[in-house]
């Protein structure tokens, strides 16, 4: 049985929606590294924040 045109459009729409959903979950490149770096910098500048994060400042 051949697929109807509406079925083809429905399948295409579902595939597109699934792709958009998966793309929204993936983080943008460089964002995670910048956030981690800024947290480390903040912890280094603030001893109270460093103690709350569980990191000891040892040199």
C-alpha atoms as a PDB file:
ATOM      1  CA  UNK A   1       0.000   0.000   0.000  1.00  0.00           C
ATOM      2  CA  UNK A   2       1.403   3.367  -1.002  1.00  0.00           C
ATOM      3  CA  UNK A   3       1.689   6.108   1.569  1.00  0.00           C
ATOM      4  CA  UNK A   4      -0.615   9.068   1.233  1.00  0.00           C
ATOM      5  CA  UNK A   5       0.804  12.520   0.774  1.00  0.00           C
ATOM      6  CA  UNK A   6      -0.497  13.551   4.212  1.00  0.00           C
ATOM      7  CA  UNK A   7       1.341  10.636   5.823  1.00  0.00           C
ATOM      8  CA  UNK A   8       4.564  11.735   4.178  1.00  0.00           C
ATOM      9  CA  UNK A   9       4.123  15.297   5.446  1.00  0.00           C
ATOM     10  CA  UNK A  10       3.255  13.997   8.920  1.00  0.00           C
ATOM     11  CA  UNK A  11       6.404  11.855   9.004  1.00  0.00           C
ATOM     12  CA  UNK A  12       8.503  14.794   7.831  1.00  0.00           C
ATOM     13  CA  UNK A  13       7.001  17.055  10.495  1.00  0.00           C
ATOM     14  CA  UNK A  14       7.613  14.483  13.225  1.00  0.00           C
ATOM     15  CA  UNK A  15      11.208  14.016  12.103  1.00  0.00           C
ATOM     16  CA  UNK A  16      11.762  17.782  12.075  1.00  0.00           C
ATOM     17  CA  UNK A  17      10.186  18.209  15.517  1.00  0.00           C
ATOM     18  CA  UNK A  18      12.308  15.391  16.941  1.00  0.00           C
ATOM     19  CA  UNK A  19      15.434  16.973  15.501  1.00  0.00           C
ATOM     20  CA  UNK A  20      14.557  20.347  16.990  1.00  0.00           C
ATOM     21  CA  UNK A  21      13.892  18.749  20.384  1.00  0.00           C
ATOM     22  CA  UNK A  22      17.240  16.979  20.345  1.00  0.00           C
ATOM     23  CA  UNK A  23      19.066  20.095  19.167  1.00  0.00           C
ATOM     24  CA  UNK A  24      17.604  22.149  22.009  1.00  0.00           C
ATOM     25  CA  UNK A  25      19.031  19.746  24.596  1.00  0.00           C
ATOM     26  CA  UNK A  26      22.608  19.884  23.371  1.00  0.00           C
ATOM     27  CA  UNK A  27      24.727  22.644  24.923  1.00  0.00           C
ATOM     28  CA  UNK A  28      26.364  25.204  22.704  1.00  0.00           C
ATOM     29  CA  UNK A  29      30.116  24.744  22.259  1.00  0.00           C
ATOM     30  CA  UNK A  30      32.183  26.778  24.699  1.00  0.00           C
ATOM     31  CA  UNK A  31      29.308  27.581  27.062  1.00  0.00           C
ATOM     32  CA  UNK A  32      30.054  24.850  29.595  1.00  0.00           C
ATOM     33  CA  UNK A  33      33.770  25.642  29.661  1.00  0.00           C
ATOM     34  CA  UNK A  34      33.119  29.350  30.241  1.00  0.00           C
ATOM     35  CA  UNK A  35      30.703  28.640  33.100  1.00  0.00           C
ATOM     36  CA  UNK A  36      33.125  26.249  34.774  1.00  0.00           C
ATOM     37  CA  UNK A  37      35.966  28.712  34.397  1.00  0.00           C
ATOM     38  CA  UNK A  38      33.958  31.550  35.880  1.00  0.00           C
ATOM     39  CA  UNK A  39      32.916  29.385  38.858  1.00  0.00           C
ATOM     40  CA  UNK A  40      36.553  28.497  39.492  1.00  0.00           C
ATOM     41  CA  UNK A  41      37.537  32.155  39.271  1.00  0.00           C
ATOM     42  CA  UNK A  42      34.750  33.119  41.675  1.00  0.00           C
ATOM     43  CA  UNK A  43      35.791  30.410  44.131  1.00  0.00           C
ATOM     44  CA  UNK A  44      39.376  31.572  43.935  1.00  0.00           C
ATOM     45  CA  UNK A  45      38.398  35.165  44.692  1.00  0.00           C
ATOM     46  CA  UNK A  46      35.915  34.330  47.473  1.00  0.00           C
ATOM     47  CA  UNK A  47      37.063  31.984  50.280  1.00  0.00           C
ATOM     48  CA  UNK A  48      33.521  31.575  51.621  1.00  0.00           C
ATOM     49  CA  UNK A  49      32.265  30.446  48.221  1.00  0.00           C
ATOM     50  CA  UNK A  50      35.240  28.099  47.920  1.00  0.00           C
ATOM     51  CA  UNK A  51      34.376  26.492  51.257  1.00  0.00           C
ATOM     52  CA  UNK A  52      30.746  26.101  50.218  1.00  0.00           C
ATOM     53  CA  UNK A  53      31.786  24.451  46.974  1.00  0.00           C
ATOM     54  CA  UNK A  54      33.975  22.046  48.959  1.00  0.00           C
ATOM     55  CA  UNK A  55      37.218  23.214  47.476  1.00  0.00           C
ATOM     56  CA  UNK A  56      40.120  24.124  49.706  1.00  0.00           C
ATOM     57  CA  UNK A  57      42.467  26.832  48.596  1.00  0.00           C
ATOM     58  CA  UNK A  58      45.940  25.382  48.934  1.00  0.00           C
ATOM     59  CA  UNK A  59      49.086  26.768  47.361  1.00  0.00           C
END
